[in-house]
Structures are given as structure tokens and as C-alpha cells.
C-alpha atoms as a PDB file:
ATOM      1  CA  MET A   1      15.436  48.582  27.600  1.00  0.00           C
ATOM      2  CA  ASN A   2      12.886  50.076  29.985  1.00  0.00           C
ATOM      3  CA  MET A   3      12.554  46.767  31.811  1.00  0.00           C
ATOM      4  CA  ALA A   4      16.319  46.823  32.323  1.00  0.00           C
ATOM      5  CA  GLY A   5      16.125  50.291  33.906  1.00  0.00           C
ATOM      6  CA  ARG A   6      17.216  52.337  30.907  1.00  0.00           C
ATOM      7  CA  LYS A   7      14.781  55.076  29.941  1.00  0.00           C
ATOM      8  CA  PHE A   8      13.829  54.593  26.317  1.00  0.00           C
ATOM      9  CA  PRO A   9      10.900  56.385  24.644  1.00  0.00           C
ATOM     10  CA  MET A  10       8.210  54.090  23.290  1.00  0.00           C
ATOM     11  CA  ASP A  11       6.735  55.335  20.018  1.00  0.00           C
ATOM     12  CA  ASN A  12       5.178  52.119  18.786  1.00  0.00           C
ATOM     13  CA  VAL A  13       1.550  51.105  19.036  1.00  0.00           C
ATOM     14  CA  PRO A  14       1.139  47.770  20.882  1.00  0.00           C
ATOM     15  CA  PHE A  15       0.701  44.928  18.388  1.00  0.00           C
ATOM     16  CA  PHE A  16       0.368  41.157  18.473  1.00  0.00           C
ATOM     17  CA  TRP A  17      -0.701  38.385  16.144  1.00  0.00           C
ATOM     18  CA  THR A  18      -1.374  34.684  16.112  1.00  0.00           C
ATOM     19  CA  ARG A  19      -2.102  32.187  13.382  1.00  0.00           C
ATOM     20  CA  GLN A  20      -4.122  29.072  14.100  1.00  0.00           C
ATOM     21  CA  TRP A  21      -5.932  26.657  11.805  1.00  0.00           C
ATOM     22  CA  ASN A  22      -5.201  28.787   8.708  1.00  0.00           C
ATOM     23  CA  ASN A  23      -6.654  31.897  10.352  1.00  0.00           C
ATOM     24  CA  SER A  24      -4.728  34.984  11.353  1.00  0.00           C
ATOM     25  CA  LEU A  25      -5.828  37.128  14.293  1.00  0.00           C
ATOM     26  CA  VAL A  26      -4.021  40.433  14.748  1.00  0.00           C
ATOM     27  CA  PHE A  27      -4.508  43.169  17.356  1.00  0.00           C
ATOM     28  CA  SER A  28      -3.150  46.704  17.343  1.00  0.00           C
ATOM     29  CA  GLY A  29      -3.661  49.359  20.012  1.00  0.00           C
ATOM     30  CA  VAL A  30      -4.890  48.907  23.563  1.00  0.00           C
ATOM     31  CA  ASN A  31      -7.639  46.718  24.913  1.00  0.00           C
ATOM     32  CA  HIS A  32      -8.728  48.795  27.885  1.00  0.00           C
ATOM     33  CA  GLY A  33     -10.800  51.966  28.026  1.00  0.00           C
ATOM     34  CA  TRP A  34     -13.190  50.988  25.257  1.00  0.00           C
ATOM     35  CA  ASP A  35     -16.950  51.049  25.603  1.00  0.00           C
ATOM     36  CA  ASP A  36     -18.095  50.232  22.071  1.00  0.00           C
ATOM     37  CA  ILE A  37     -17.064  47.901  19.255  1.00  0.00           C
ATOM     38  CA  HIS A  38     -17.713  48.373  15.564  1.00  0.00           C
ATOM     39  CA  ILE A  39     -17.414  45.316  13.317  1.00  0.00           C
ATOM     40  CA  ALA A  40     -16.520  45.856   9.666  1.00  0.00           C
ATOM     41  CA  GLY A  41     -16.642  42.769   7.481  1.00  0.00           C
ATOM     42  CA  SER A  42     -18.083  39.327   8.024  1.00  0.00           C
ATOM     43  CA  LEU A  43     -17.921  37.431  11.302  1.00  0.00           C
ATOM     44  CA  GLU A  44     -19.455  34.448   9.530  1.00  0.00           C
ATOM     45  CA  ASP A  45     -16.705  34.373   6.885  1.00  0.00           C
ATOM     46  CA  MET A  46     -14.058  35.106   9.535  1.00  0.00           C
ATOM     47  CA  LYS A  47     -12.838  38.137   7.609  1.00  0.00           C
ATOM     48  CA  PHE A  48     -13.438  41.260   9.650  1.00  0.00           C
ATOM     49  CA  ILE A  49     -12.004  44.114  11.670  1.00  0.00           C
ATOM     50  CA  ALA A  50     -13.332  44.871  15.147  1.00  0.00           C
ATOM     51  CA  TYR A  51     -12.665  48.477  16.120  1.00  0.00           C
ATOM     52  CA  TYR A  52     -12.434  49.159  19.872  1.00  0.00           C
ATOM     53  CA  ILE A  53     -13.919  52.585  20.537  1.00  0.00           C
ATOM     54  CA  ASP A  54     -13.770  55.118  23.352  1.00  0.00           C
ATOM     55  CA  LYS A  55     -17.232  56.652  22.778  1.00  0.00           C
ATOM     56  CA  ARG A  56     -16.641  59.620  25.069  1.00  0.00           C
ATOM     57  CA  ASN A  57     -13.735  60.798  22.891  1.00  0.00           C
ATOM     58  CA  ASP A  58     -15.054  59.348  19.585  1.00  0.00           C
ATOM     59  CA  LYS A  59     -11.696  57.606  19.244  1.00  0.00           C
ATOM     60  CA  ILE A  60     -10.451  54.259  17.937  1.00  0.00           C
ATOM     61  CA  ILE A  61      -8.102  52.922  20.619  1.00  0.00           C
ATOM     62  CA  GLY A  62      -7.547  49.429  19.213  1.00  0.00           C
ATOM     63  CA  ALA A  63      -8.480  47.063  16.441  1.00  0.00           C
ATOM     64  CA  ALA A  64      -8.607  43.293  16.107  1.00  0.00           C
ATOM     65  CA  ALA A  65      -8.548  41.831  12.625  1.00  0.00           C
ATOM     66  CA  MET A  66      -9.315  38.318  11.502  1.00  0.00           C
ATOM     67  CA  ASN A  67      -7.603  37.387   8.233  1.00  0.00           C
ATOM     68  CA  GLN A  68      -6.917  41.067   7.434  1.00  0.00           C
ATOM     69  CA  MET A  69      -3.149  41.366   8.055  1.00  0.00           C
ATOM     70  CA  ASN A  70      -2.477  44.156   5.551  1.00  0.00           C
ATOM     71  CA  LYS A  71      -5.410  46.213   6.803  1.00  0.00           C
ATOM     72  CA  ILE A  72      -4.300  46.061  10.434  1.00  0.00           C
ATOM     73  CA  GLN A  73      -0.844  47.260   9.436  1.00  0.00           C
ATOM     74  CA  ILE A  74      -2.444  50.335   7.890  1.00  0.00           C
ATOM     75  CA  ILE A  75      -4.490  50.895  11.066  1.00  0.00           C
ATOM     76  CA  ASN A  76      -1.350  50.479  13.190  1.00  0.00           C
ATOM     77  CA  GLU A  77       0.516  53.085  11.140  1.00  0.00           C
ATOM     78  CA  ALA A  78      -2.481  55.451  11.201  1.00  0.00           C
ATOM     79  CA  MET A  79      -2.616  55.242  15.008  1.00  0.00           C
ATOM     80  CA  LYS A  80       1.160  55.607  15.312  1.00  0.00           C
ATOM     81  CA  ASN A  81       1.211  58.672  13.046  1.00  0.00           C
ATOM     82  CA  GLY A  82      -1.850  60.309  14.590  1.00  0.00           C
ATOM     83  CA  VAL A  83      -4.034  60.128  11.495  1.00  0.00           C
ATOM     84  CA  MET A  84      -6.578  57.533  12.613  1.00  0.00           C
ATOM     85  CA  PRO A  85      -9.992  59.061  11.919  1.00  0.00           C
ATOM     86  CA  LYS A  86     -12.630  59.542  14.586  1.00  0.00           C
ATOM     87  CA  ALA A  87     -14.745  56.501  15.382  1.00  0.00           C
ATOM     88  CA  SER A  88     -17.809  58.163  13.842  1.00  0.00           C
ATOM     89  CA  VAL A  89     -15.933  58.357  10.525  1.00  0.00           C
ATOM     90  CA  VAL A  90     -14.755  54.732  10.733  1.00  0.00           C
ATOM     91  CA  LYS A  91     -18.337  53.588  11.399  1.00  0.00           C
ATOM     92  CA  SER A  92     -19.536  55.312   8.224  1.00  0.00           C
ATOM     93  CA  PRO A  93     -20.283  52.988   5.276  1.00  0.00           C
ATOM     94  CA  GLU A  94     -18.142  55.269   3.094  1.00  0.00           C
ATOM     95  CA  PHE A  95     -14.990  54.679   5.172  1.00  0.00           C
ATOM     96  CA  LYS A  96     -12.260  52.729   3.363  1.00  0.00           C
ATOM     97  CA  ILE A  97      -9.040  51.805   5.159  1.00  0.00           C
ATOM     98  CA  ASP A  98      -6.986  52.228   2.011  1.00  0.00           C
ATOM     99  CA  ASP A  99      -7.954  55.921   2.007  1.00  0.00           C
ATOM    100  CA  LEU A 100      -5.688  56.297   5.065  1.00  0.00           C
ATOM    101  CA  LEU A 101      -2.603  55.571   2.992  1.00  0.00           C
ATOM    102  CA  THR A 102      -2.371  59.151   1.698  1.00  0.00           C
ATOM    103  CA  ASP A 103      -2.626  60.609   5.215  1.00  0.00           C
ATOM    104  CA  ILE A 104      -0.004  58.175   6.470  1.00  0.00           C
ATOM    105  CA  LYS A 105       2.365  58.930   3.593  1.00  0.00           C
ATOM    106  CA  ASP A 106       2.109  62.641   4.381  1.00  0.00           C
ATOM    107  CA  LYS A 107       3.651  61.861   7.811  1.00  0.00           C
ATOM    108  CA  ASN A 108       6.718  60.164   6.233  1.00  0.00           C
ATOM    109  CA  PRO A 109       6.322  56.859   8.092  1.00  0.00           C
ATOM    110  CA  LYS A 110       8.890  54.111   8.382  1.00  0.00           C
ATOM    111  CA  CYS A 111       6.537  51.194   7.690  1.00  0.00           C
ATOM    112  CA  THR A 112       7.987  48.810   5.131  1.00  0.00           C
ATOM    113  CA  ARG A 113       5.164  46.270   5.286  1.00  0.00           C
ATOM    114  CA  CYS A 114       2.241  48.465   4.335  1.00  0.00           C
ATOM    115  CA  GLY A 115       3.970  49.707   1.196  1.00  0.00           C
ATOM    116  CA  LEU A 116       4.751  53.191   2.456  1.00  0.00           C
END
């Protein structure tokens, strides 16, 4: 709508995915303004999440996930609903993505894919 000249508010977090050779790569957020990356999972097993971090603001601004479709949907909803934790929390070994589900539910989201 915006490309056609009609002003329409954008409330979604940018998102894309591709599937090649039985592997799924998904990205949510933005890919500019980051100056650190935190990898959670195994690069070797091709099952990981790469968090793109703005160190100055201790903020996750994007995430790329390999073979972690459900997890990236939770991250997308957390970013959209303003409940994505600080990067320092995400980097902690105690951080579990599924723990975000309660915070997301409290915001009454409209995500049908992440079970909310």
C-alpha cells in the first residue's frame, strides 16, 4: 500500500525464509546497525540461531536461524511486541527462547503459528 502512495502503518518485523537442500534459513529483524553476533546452537550441525546485536544499546535487532523455524517465530513475535530481552540476557547460558512465550502472551499477540 505504501509503495502505491497510500499511507499505511507498518507494525510487522521484517521476515524472510528460504529452504534449500532440506535446510531452512529464516531471518527476522533488520540486518544493518549491528556490531556483534551471538551464535546459539551448533554451526556444525546446522541447527543454530545467530543473534544480530547493537552493542551500544544492548539490543537484539535481528536473528537468523538455521533449521529453527518455530524458534524464529517466537523471536519475531517478541520483537514485534517489544518483549525481546536485552542482548546481555540472550547471551546468558540460562536464556531459553521458550521462556519468552509468557511475556508474548501477556501482550495478546495475533500470532497463530507460534501457538499463542
